[in-house]
Amino acid sequence: VHMVESGGGLVQAGGSLRLSCAVSGSIYSLGWYRQGPGKQR
């Protein structure tokens, strides 16, 4: 299975962004994780 994200970028505080992920197959659970600088995912 391949997963490709899009939609990231630079935004000012208070703003909005919409991330998308295209998946090459049908998966039971889809989600999002993040890893900040110097932090764990």
PDB file of all heavy atoms in Angstrom:
ATOM      1  N   VAL A   1       0.836  -1.182   0.000  1.00  0.00           N
ATOM      2  CA  VAL A   1       0.000   0.000   0.000  1.00  0.00           C
ATOM      3  C   VAL A   1       0.878   1.241   0.000  1.00  0.00           C
ATOM      4  O   VAL A   1       1.861   1.321   0.738  1.00  0.00           O
ATOM      5  CB  VAL A   1      -0.917   0.010   1.241  1.00  0.00           C
ATOM      6  CG1 VAL A   1      -1.662   1.325   1.347  1.00  0.00           C
ATOM      7  CG2 VAL A   1      -1.885  -1.170   1.184  1.00  0.00           C
ATOM      8  N   HIS A   2       0.508   2.206  -0.823  1.00  0.00           N
ATOM      9  CA  HIS A   2       1.226   3.476  -0.868  1.00  0.00           C
ATOM     10  C   HIS A   2       0.313   4.586  -0.384  1.00  0.00           C
ATOM     11  O   HIS A   2      -0.884   4.596  -0.693  1.00  0.00           O
ATOM     12  CB  HIS A   2       1.708   3.777  -2.283  1.00  0.00           C
ATOM     13  CG  HIS A   2       2.710   2.786  -2.794  1.00  0.00           C
ATOM     14  ND1 HIS A   2       4.033   2.768  -2.395  1.00  0.00           N
ATOM     15  CD2 HIS A   2       2.566   1.743  -3.655  1.00  0.00           C
ATOM     16  CE1 HIS A   2       4.663   1.773  -2.996  1.00  0.00           C
ATOM     17  NE2 HIS A   2       3.791   1.134  -3.763  1.00  0.00           N
ATOM     18  N   MET A   3       0.900   5.519   0.364  1.00  0.00           N
ATOM     19  CA  MET A   3       0.144   6.629   0.909  1.00  0.00           C
ATOM     20  C   MET A   3       0.907   7.905   0.588  1.00  0.00           C
ATOM     21  O   MET A   3       2.097   8.014   0.905  1.00  0.00           O
ATOM     22  CB  MET A   3      -0.028   6.474   2.424  1.00  0.00           C
ATOM     23  CG  MET A   3      -0.498   5.086   2.841  1.00  0.00           C
ATOM     24  SD  MET A   3      -0.747   4.906   4.605  1.00  0.00           S
ATOM     25  CE  MET A   3      -2.358   5.654   4.779  1.00  0.00           C
ATOM     26  N   VAL A   4       0.230   8.862  -0.023  1.00  0.00           N
ATOM     27  CA  VAL A   4       0.885  10.091  -0.456  1.00  0.00           C
ATOM     28  C   VAL A   4       0.128  11.290   0.090  1.00  0.00           C
ATOM     29  O   VAL A   4      -1.036  11.501  -0.251  1.00  0.00           O
ATOM     30  CB  VAL A   4       0.953  10.162  -1.995  1.00  0.00           C
ATOM     31  CG1 VAL A   4       1.649  11.463  -2.425  1.00  0.00           C
ATOM     32  CG2 VAL A   4       1.692   8.951  -2.564  1.00  0.00           C
ATOM     33  N   GLU A   5       0.832  12.050   0.928  1.00  0.00           N
ATOM     34  CA  GLU A   5       0.225  13.237   1.521  1.00  0.00           C
ATOM     35  C   GLU A   5       0.410  14.465   0.632  1.00  0.00           C
ATOM     36  O   GLU A   5       1.360  14.535  -0.152  1.00  0.00           O
ATOM     37  CB  GLU A   5       0.847  13.550   2.884  1.00  0.00           C
ATOM     38  CG  GLU A   5       0.763  12.451   3.918  1.00  0.00           C
ATOM     39  CD  GLU A   5       2.022  11.628   3.991  1.00  0.00           C
ATOM     40  OE1 GLU A   5       2.744  11.562   2.981  1.00  0.00           O
ATOM     41  OE2 GLU A   5       2.291  11.042   5.056  1.00  0.00           O
ATOM     42  N   SER A   6      -0.469  15.423   0.824  1.00  0.00           N
ATOM     43  CA  SER A   6      -0.348  16.718   0.161  1.00  0.00           C
ATOM     44  C   SER A   6      -1.057  17.755   1.017  1.00  0.00           C
ATOM     45  O   SER A   6      -1.848  17.408   1.902  1.00  0.00           O
ATOM     46  CB  SER A   6      -0.968  16.673  -1.239  1.00  0.00           C
ATOM     47  OG  SER A   6      -2.347  16.353  -1.177  1.00  0.00           O
ATOM     48  N   GLY A   7      -0.748  19.029   0.751  1.00  0.00           N
ATOM     49  CA  GLY A   7      -1.459  20.104   1.413  1.00  0.00           C
ATOM     50  C   GLY A   7      -0.698  20.832   2.504  1.00  0.00           C
ATOM     51  O   GLY A   7      -1.214  21.785   3.082  1.00  0.00           O
ATOM     52  N   GLY A   8       0.499  20.390   2.810  1.00  0.00           N
ATOM     53  CA  GLY A   8       1.262  21.089   3.832  1.00  0.00           C
ATOM     54  C   GLY A   8       1.738  22.442   3.343  1.00  0.00           C
ATOM     55  O   GLY A   8       1.591  22.797   2.171  1.00  0.00           O
ATOM     56  N   GLY A   9       2.320  23.209   4.260  1.00  0.00           N
ATOM     57  CA  GLY A   9       2.839  24.514   3.866  1.00  0.00           C
ATOM     58  C   GLY A   9       3.053  25.409   5.064  1.00  0.00           C
ATOM     59  O   GLY A   9       3.096  24.956   6.203  1.00  0.00           O
ATOM     60  N   LEU A  10       3.199  26.687   4.767  1.00  0.00           N
ATOM     61  CA  LEU A  10       3.438  27.713   5.782  1.00  0.00           C
ATOM     62  C   LEU A  10       2.164  28.521   5.978  1.00  0.00           C
ATOM     63  O   LEU A  10       1.555  28.973   5.001  1.00  0.00           O
ATOM     64  CB  LEU A  10       4.584  28.621   5.338  1.00  0.00           C
ATOM     65  CG  LEU A  10       4.887  29.843   6.203  1.00  0.00           C
ATOM     66  CD1 LEU A  10       5.364  29.411   7.577  1.00  0.00           C
ATOM     67  CD2 LEU A  10       5.927  30.718   5.502  1.00  0.00           C
ATOM     68  N   VAL A  11       1.783  28.714   7.228  1.00  0.00           N
ATOM     69  CA  VAL A  11       0.574  29.462   7.541  1.00  0.00           C
ATOM     70  C   VAL A  11       0.814  30.255   8.815  1.00  0.00           C
ATOM     71  O   VAL A  11       1.622  29.853   9.666  1.00  0.00           O
ATOM     72  CB  VAL A  11      -0.634  28.512   7.693  1.00  0.00           C
ATOM     73  CG1 VAL A  11      -0.463  27.573   8.876  1.00  0.00           C
ATOM     74  CG2 VAL A  11      -1.944  29.262   7.777  1.00  0.00           C
ATOM     75  N   GLN A  12       0.133  31.371   8.948  1.00  0.00           N
ATOM     76  CA  GLN A  12       0.235  32.165  10.163  1.00  0.00           C
ATOM     77  C   GLN A  12      -0.625  31.566  11.265  1.00  0.00           C
ATOM     78  O   GLN A  12      -1.628  30.880  10.988  1.00  0.00           O
ATOM     79  CB  GLN A  12      -0.198  33.598   9.889  1.00  0.00           C
ATOM     80  CG  GLN A  12       0.807  34.399   9.068  1.00  0.00           C
ATOM     81  CD  GLN A  12       0.446  35.871   9.007  1.00  0.00           C
ATOM     82  OE1 GLN A  12      -0.720  36.242   9.085  1.00  0.00           O
ATOM     83  NE2 GLN A  12       1.461  36.717   8.852  1.00  0.00           N
ATOM     84  N   ALA A  13      -0.248  31.846  12.483  1.00  0.00           N
ATOM     85  CA  ALA A  13      -1.036  31.394  13.626  1.00  0.00           C
ATOM     86  C   ALA A  13      -2.476  31.880  13.484  1.00  0.00           C
ATOM     87  O   ALA A  13      -2.722  33.023  13.095  1.00  0.00           O
ATOM     88  CB  ALA A  13      -0.430  31.901  14.922  1.00  0.00           C
ATOM     89  N   GLY A  14      -3.403  30.983  13.801  1.00  0.00           N
ATOM     90  CA  GLY A  14      -4.815  31.300  13.646  1.00  0.00           C
ATOM     91  C   GLY A  14      -5.386  30.899  12.306  1.00  0.00           C
ATOM     92  O   GLY A  14      -6.609  30.906  12.120  1.00  0.00           O
ATOM     93  N   GLY A  15      -4.516  30.548  11.378  1.00  0.00           N
ATOM     94  CA  GLY A  15      -4.950  30.173  10.040  1.00  0.00           C
ATOM     95  C   GLY A  15      -5.358  28.711   9.942  1.00  0.00           C
ATOM     96  O   GLY A  15      -5.411  27.989  10.946  1.00  0.00           O
ATOM     97  N   SER A  16      -5.637  28.292   8.717  1.00  0.00           N
ATOM     98  CA  SER A  16      -6.117  26.934   8.461  1.00  0.00           C
ATOM     99  C   SER A  16      -5.332  26.289   7.327  1.00  0.00           C
ATOM    100  O   SER A  16      -4.806  26.976   6.439  1.00  0.00           O
ATOM    101  CB  SER A  16      -7.603  26.962   8.072  1.00  0.00           C
ATOM    102  OG  SER A  16      -8.403  27.489   9.113  1.00  0.00           O
ATOM    103  N   LEU A  17      -5.283  24.975   7.376  1.00  0.00           N
ATOM    104  CA  LEU A  17      -4.718  24.176   6.295  1.00  0.00           C
ATOM    105  C   LEU A  17      -5.524  22.895   6.203  1.00  0.00           C
ATOM    106  O   LEU A  17      -6.084  22.428   7.205  1.00  0.00           O
ATOM    107  CB  LEU A  17      -3.250  23.817   6.558  1.00  0.00           C
ATOM    108  CG  LEU A  17      -2.165  24.814   6.219  1.00  0.00           C
ATOM    109  CD1 LEU A  17      -0.803  24.265   6.641  1.00  0.00           C
ATOM    110  CD2 LEU A  17      -2.153  25.166   4.736  1.00  0.00           C
ATOM    111  N   ARG A  18      -5.532  22.316   5.011  1.00  0.00           N
ATOM    112  CA  ARG A  18      -6.211  21.035   4.814  1.00  0.00           C
ATOM    113  C   ARG A  18      -5.215  20.067   4.205  1.00  0.00           C
ATOM    114  O   ARG A  18      -4.673  20.305   3.116  1.00  0.00           O
ATOM    115  CB  ARG A  18      -7.407  21.204   3.885  1.00  0.00           C
ATOM    116  CG  ARG A  18      -8.169  19.916   3.581  1.00  0.00           C
ATOM    117  CD  ARG A  18      -9.362  20.251   2.688  1.00  0.00           C
ATOM    118  NE  ARG A  18     -10.001  19.108   2.094  1.00  0.00           N
ATOM    119  CZ  ARG A  18     -10.967  18.387   2.671  1.00  0.00           C
ATOM    120  NH1 ARG A  18     -11.383  18.706   3.888  1.00  0.00           N
ATOM    121  NH2 ARG A  18     -11.512  17.366   2.050  1.00  0.00           N
ATOM    122  N   LEU A  19      -4.953  19.000   4.928  1.00  0.00           N
ATOM    123  CA  LEU A  19      -4.072  17.952   4.437  1.00  0.00           C
ATOM    124  C   LEU A  19      -4.895  16.846   3.794  1.00  0.00           C
ATOM    125  O   LEU A  19      -6.005  16.553   4.240  1.00  0.00           O
ATOM    126  CB  LEU A  19      -3.245  17.366   5.579  1.00  0.00           C
ATOM    127  CG  LEU A  19      -2.395  18.336   6.397  1.00  0.00           C
ATOM    128  CD1 LEU A  19      -1.601  17.559   7.444  1.00  0.00           C
ATOM    129  CD2 LEU A  19      -1.478  19.154   5.516  1.00  0.00           C
ATOM    130  N   SER A  20      -4.326  16.258   2.770  1.00  0.00           N
ATOM    131  CA  SER A  20      -4.981  15.136   2.114  1.00  0.00           C
ATOM    132  C   SER A  20      -3.988  13.994   1.966  1.00  0.00           C
ATOM    133  O   SER A  20      -2.775  14.216   1.891  1.00  0.00           O
ATOM    134  CB  SER A  20      -5.492  15.541   0.733  1.00  0.00           C
ATOM    135  OG  SER A  20      -6.496  16.532   0.842  1.00  0.00           O
ATOM    136  N   CYS A  21      -4.521  12.795   1.916  1.00  0.00           N
ATOM    137  CA  CYS A  21      -3.677  11.614   1.733  1.00  0.00           C
ATOM    138  C   CYS A  21      -4.393  10.671   0.769  1.00  0.00           C
ATOM    139  O   CYS A  21      -5.539  10.275   1.021  1.00  0.00           O
ATOM    140  CB  CYS A  21      -3.428  10.939   3.064  1.00  0.00           C
ATOM    141  SG  CYS A  21      -2.470   9.406   2.951  1.00  0.00           S
ATOM    142  N   ALA A  22      -3.721  10.340  -0.299  1.00  0.00           N
ATOM    143  CA  ALA A  22      -4.243   9.380  -1.264  1.00  0.00           C
ATOM    144  C   ALA A  22      -3.654   8.006  -0.965  1.00  0.00           C
ATOM    145  O   ALA A  22      -2.432   7.866  -0.828  1.00  0.00           O
ATOM    146  CB  ALA A  22      -3.881   9.815  -2.676  1.00  0.00           C
ATOM    147  N   VAL A  23      -4.518   7.026  -0.847  1.00  0.00           N
ATOM    148  CA  VAL A  23      -4.114   5.676  -0.462  1.00  0.00           C
ATOM    149  C   VAL A  23      -4.364   4.733  -1.639  1.00  0.00           C
ATOM    150  O   VAL A  23      -5.413   4.803  -2.285  1.00  0.00           O
ATOM    151  CB  VAL A  23      -4.914   5.216   0.767  1.00  0.00           C
ATOM    152  CG1 VAL A  23      -4.410   3.859   1.256  1.00  0.00           C
ATOM    153  CG2 VAL A  23      -4.833   6.255   1.876  1.00  0.00           C
ATOM    154  N   SER A  24      -3.409   3.835  -1.879  1.00  0.00           N
ATOM    155  CA  SER A  24      -3.519   2.973  -3.061  1.00  0.00           C
ATOM    156  C   SER A  24      -4.430   1.777  -2.848  1.00  0.00           C
ATOM    157  O   SER A  24      -4.679   1.020  -3.784  1.00  0.00           O
ATOM    158  CB  SER A  24      -2.129   2.484  -3.492  1.00  0.00           C
ATOM    159  OG  SER A  24      -1.573   1.668  -2.483  1.00  0.00           O
ATOM    160  N   GLY A  25      -4.934   1.580  -1.615  1.00  0.00           N
ATOM    161  CA  GLY A  25      -5.831   0.476  -1.354  1.00  0.00           C
ATOM    162  C   GLY A  25      -6.842   0.841  -0.281  1.00  0.00           C
ATOM    163  O   GLY A  25      -6.825   1.948   0.256  1.00  0.00           O
ATOM    164  N   SER A  26      -7.729  -0.099   0.010  1.00  0.00           N
ATOM    165  CA  SER A  26      -8.745   0.136   1.039  1.00  0.00           C
ATOM    166  C   SER A  26      -8.200  -0.320   2.387  1.00  0.00           C
ATOM    167  O   SER A  26      -7.846  -1.489   2.563  1.00  0.00           O
ATOM    168  CB  SER A  26     -10.020  -0.645   0.703  1.00  0.00           C
ATOM    169  OG  SER A  26     -10.990  -0.451   1.698  1.00  0.00           O
ATOM    170  N   ILE A  27      -8.123   0.614   3.313  1.00  0.00           N
ATOM    171  CA  ILE A  27      -7.551   0.349   4.628  1.00  0.00           C
ATOM    172  C   ILE A  27      -8.599   0.591   5.702  1.00  0.00           C
ATOM    173  O   ILE A  27      -9.345   1.563   5.625  1.00  0.00           O
ATOM    174  CB  ILE A  27      -6.333   1.271   4.884  1.00  0.00           C
ATOM    175  CG1 ILE A  27      -5.267   1.050   3.812  1.00  0.00           C
ATOM    176  CG2 ILE A  27      -5.749   1.031   6.266  1.00  0.00           C
ATOM    177  CD1 ILE A  27      -4.637  -0.309   3.827  1.00  0.00           C
ATOM    178  N   TYR A  28      -8.648  -0.286   6.699  1.00  0.00           N
ATOM    179  CA  TYR A  28      -9.658  -0.195   7.746  1.00  0.00           C
ATOM    180  C   TYR A  28      -9.625   1.149   8.477  1.00  0.00           C
ATOM    181  O   TYR A  28     -10.628   1.833   8.605  1.00  0.00           O
ATOM    182  CB  TYR A  28      -9.477  -1.330   8.743  1.00  0.00           C
ATOM    183  CG  TYR A  28     -10.320  -1.189   9.990  1.00  0.00           C
ATOM    184  CD1 TYR A  28     -11.702  -1.316   9.931  1.00  0.00           C
ATOM    185  CD2 TYR A  28      -9.732  -0.906  11.222  1.00  0.00           C
ATOM    186  CE1 TYR A  28     -12.483  -1.157  11.058  1.00  0.00           C
ATOM    187  CE2 TYR A  28     -10.506  -0.746  12.354  1.00  0.00           C
ATOM    188  CZ  TYR A  28     -11.886  -0.882  12.266  1.00  0.00           C
ATOM    189  OH  TYR A  28     -12.663  -0.728  13.379  1.00  0.00           O
ATOM    190  N   SER A  29      -8.473   1.523   8.971  1.00  0.00           N
ATOM    191  CA  SER A  29      -8.358   2.762   9.724  1.00  0.00           C
ATOM    192  C   SER A  29      -7.299   3.657   9.093  1.00  0.00           C
ATOM    193  O   SER A  29      -6.185   3.203   8.821  1.00  0.00           O
ATOM    194  CB  SER A  29      -7.988   2.470  11.179  1.00  0.00           C
ATOM    195  OG  SER A  29      -7.768   3.673  11.901  1.00  0.00           O
ATOM    196  N   LEU A  30      -7.655   4.891   8.855  1.00  0.00           N
ATOM    197  CA  LEU A  30      -6.708   5.873   8.314  1.00  0.00           C
ATOM    198  C   LEU A  30      -6.561   6.996   9.320  1.00  0.00           C
ATOM    199  O   LEU A  30      -7.536   7.387   9.976  1.00  0.00           O
ATOM    200  CB  LEU A  30      -7.222   6.417   6.986  1.00  0.00           C
ATOM    201  CG  LEU A  30      -7.324   5.420   5.837  1.00  0.00           C
ATOM    202  CD1 LEU A  30      -7.998   6.057   4.623  1.00  0.00           C
ATOM    203  CD2 LEU A  30      -5.944   4.917   5.453  1.00  0.00           C
ATOM    204  N   GLY A  31      -5.367   7.488   9.427  1.00  0.00           N
ATOM    205  CA  GLY A  31      -5.164   8.527  10.420  1.00  0.00           C
ATOM    206  C   GLY A  31      -3.990   9.428  10.115  1.00  0.00           C
ATOM    207  O   GLY A  31      -3.360   9.325   9.050  1.00  0.00           O
ATOM    208  N   TRP A  32      -3.728  10.298  11.069  1.00  0.00           N
ATOM    209  CA  TRP A  32      -2.628  11.261  10.965  1.00  0.00           C
ATOM    210  C   TRP A  32      -1.811  11.262  12.250  1.00  0.00           C
ATOM    211  O   TRP A  32      -2.373  11.212  13.354  1.00  0.00           O
ATOM    212  CB  TRP A  32      -3.169  12.662  10.700  1.00  0.00           C
ATOM    213  CG  TRP A  32      -3.843  12.801   9.378  1.00  0.00           C
ATOM    214  CD1 TRP A  32      -5.168  12.611   9.098  1.00  0.00           C
ATOM    215  CD2 TRP A  32      -3.231  13.138   8.141  1.00  0.00           C
ATOM    216  NE1 TRP A  32      -5.417  12.807   7.771  1.00  0.00           N
ATOM    217  CE2 TRP A  32      -4.239  13.143   7.149  1.00  0.00           C
ATOM    218  CE3 TRP A  32      -1.931  13.447   7.763  1.00  0.00           C
ATOM    219  CZ2 TRP A  32      -3.982  13.444   5.821  1.00  0.00           C
ATOM    220  CZ3 TRP A  32      -1.677  13.753   6.434  1.00  0.00           C
ATOM    221  CH2 TRP A  32      -2.691  13.746   5.477  1.00  0.00           C
ATOM    222  N   TYR A  33      -0.514  11.327  12.070  1.00  0.00           N
ATOM    223  CA  TYR A  33       0.437  11.510  13.154  1.00  0.00           C
ATOM    224  C   TYR A  33       1.292  12.721  12.796  1.00  0.00           C
ATOM    225  O   TYR A  33       1.309  13.169  11.643  1.00  0.00           O
ATOM    226  CB  TYR A  33       1.335  10.280  13.304  1.00  0.00           C
ATOM    227  CG  TYR A  33       0.667   9.070  13.921  1.00  0.00           C
ATOM    228  CD1 TYR A  33      -0.337   8.384  13.250  1.00  0.00           C
ATOM    229  CD2 TYR A  33       1.058   8.599  15.172  1.00  0.00           C
ATOM    230  CE1 TYR A  33      -0.946   7.267  13.807  1.00  0.00           C
ATOM    231  CE2 TYR A  33       0.465   7.487  15.741  1.00  0.00           C
ATOM    232  CZ  TYR A  33      -0.527   6.824  15.053  1.00  0.00           C
ATOM    233  OH  TYR A  33      -1.123   5.716  15.611  1.00  0.00           O
ATOM    234  N   ARG A  34       2.002  13.227  13.768  1.00  0.00           N
ATOM    235  CA  ARG A  34       2.936  14.323  13.493  1.00  0.00           C
ATOM    236  C   ARG A  34       4.183  14.183  14.358  1.00  0.00           C
ATOM    237  O   ARG A  34       4.149  13.570  15.423  1.00  0.00           O
ATOM    238  CB  ARG A  34       2.271  15.684  13.717  1.00  0.00           C
ATOM    239  CG  ARG A  34       1.981  16.010  15.180  1.00  0.00           C
ATOM    240  CD  ARG A  34       1.231  17.320  15.283  1.00  0.00           C
ATOM    241  NE  ARG A  34       0.942  17.678  16.673  1.00  0.00           N
ATOM    242  CZ  ARG A  34       0.158  18.681  17.043  1.00  0.00           C
ATOM    243  NH1 ARG A  34      -0.434  19.442  16.111  1.00  0.00           N
ATOM    244  NH2 ARG A  34      -0.034  18.938  18.321  1.00  0.00           N
ATOM    245  N   GLN A  35       5.253  14.774  13.840  1.00  0.00           N
ATOM    246  CA  GLN A  35       6.515  14.791  14.584  1.00  0.00           C
ATOM    247  C   GLN A  35       7.090  16.187  14.506  1.00  0.00           C
ATOM    248  O   GLN A  35       7.522  16.631  13.430  1.00  0.00           O
ATOM    249  CB  GLN A  35       7.496  13.760  14.029  1.00  0.00           C
ATOM    250  CG  GLN A  35       8.750  13.625  14.866  1.00  0.00           C
ATOM    251  CD  GLN A  35       9.545  12.387  14.520  1.00  0.00           C
ATOM    252  OE1 GLN A  35       9.324  11.731  13.503  1.00  0.00           O
ATOM    253  NE2 GLN A  35      10.472  12.023  15.383  1.00  0.00           N
ATOM    254  N   GLY A  36       7.078  16.865  15.650  1.00  0.00           N
ATOM    255  CA  GLY A  36       7.635  18.195  15.720  1.00  0.00           C
ATOM    256  C   GLY A  36       9.137  18.154  15.937  1.00  0.00           C
ATOM    257  O   GLY A  36       9.694  17.102  16.262  1.00  0.00           O
ATOM    258  N   PRO A  37       9.809  19.295  15.798  1.00  0.00           N
ATOM    259  CA  PRO A  37      11.254  19.367  15.971  1.00  0.00           C
ATOM    260  C   PRO A  37      11.674  18.878  17.366  1.00  0.00           C
ATOM    261  O   PRO A  37      11.171  19.388  18.372  1.00  0.00           O
ATOM    262  CB  PRO A  37      11.563  20.856  15.797  1.00  0.00           C
ATOM    263  CG  PRO A  37      10.401  21.403  15.046  1.00  0.00           C
ATOM    264  CD  PRO A  37       9.216  20.597  15.454  1.00  0.00           C
ATOM    265  N   GLY A  38      12.526  17.890  17.404  1.00  0.00           N
ATOM    266  CA  GLY A  38      13.025  17.372  18.667  1.00  0.00           C
ATOM    267  C   GLY A  38      12.016  16.578  19.473  1.00  0.00           C
ATOM    268  O   GLY A  38      12.222  16.309  20.658  1.00  0.00           O
ATOM    269  N   LYS A  39      10.907  16.207  18.830  1.00  0.00           N
ATOM    270  CA  LYS A  39       9.861  15.486  19.549  1.00  0.00           C
ATOM    271  C   LYS A  39       9.638  14.105  18.941  1.00  0.00           C
ATOM    272  O   LYS A  39      10.044  13.823  17.819  1.00  0.00           O
ATOM    273  CB  LYS A  39       8.550  16.278  19.505  1.00  0.00           C
ATOM    274  CG  LYS A  39       8.608  17.631  20.178  1.00  0.00           C
ATOM    275  CD  LYS A  39       7.264  18.342  20.092  1.00  0.00           C
ATOM    276  CE  LYS A  39       7.306  19.704  20.743  1.00  0.00           C
ATOM    277  NZ  LYS A  39       5.988  20.395  20.637  1.00  0.00           N
ATOM    278  N   GLN A  40       8.958  13.260  19.692  1.00  0.00           N
ATOM    279  CA  GLN A  40       8.579  11.962  19.180  1.00  0.00           C
ATOM    280  C   GLN A  40       7.325  12.088  18.311  1.00  0.00           C
ATOM    281  O   GLN A  40       6.542  13.028  18.459  1.00  0.00           O
ATOM    282  CB  GLN A  40       8.308  10.995  20.337  1.00  0.00           C
ATOM    283  CG  GLN A  40       9.553  10.604  21.121  1.00  0.00           C
ATOM    284  CD  GLN A  40       9.269   9.510  22.141  1.00  0.00           C
ATOM    285  OE1 GLN A  40       8.156   9.395  22.643  1.00  0.00           O
ATOM    286  NE2 GLN A  40      10.259   8.694  22.418  1.00  0.00           N
ATOM    287  N   ARG A  41       7.169  11.143  17.426  1.00  0.00           N
ATOM    288  CA  ARG A  41       5.960  11.126  16.607  1.00  0.00           C
ATOM    289  C   ARG A  41       4.754  10.881  17.509  1.00  0.00           C
ATOM    290  O   ARG A  41       4.790  10.021  18.384  1.00  0.00           O
ATOM    291  CB  ARG A  41       6.069  10.039  15.540  1.00  0.00           C
ATOM    292  CG  ARG A  41       5.019  10.127  14.460  1.00  0.00           C
ATOM    293  CD  ARG A  41       5.289   9.138  13.340  1.00  0.00           C
ATOM    294  NE  ARG A  41       6.546   9.403  12.664  1.00  0.00           N
ATOM    295  CZ  ARG A  41       6.909   8.809  11.537  1.00  0.00           C
ATOM    296  NH1 ARG A  41       6.112   7.921  10.964  1.00  0.00           N
ATOM    297  NH2 ARG A  41       8.071   9.087  10.987  1.00  0.00           N
TER     298      ARG A  41
END
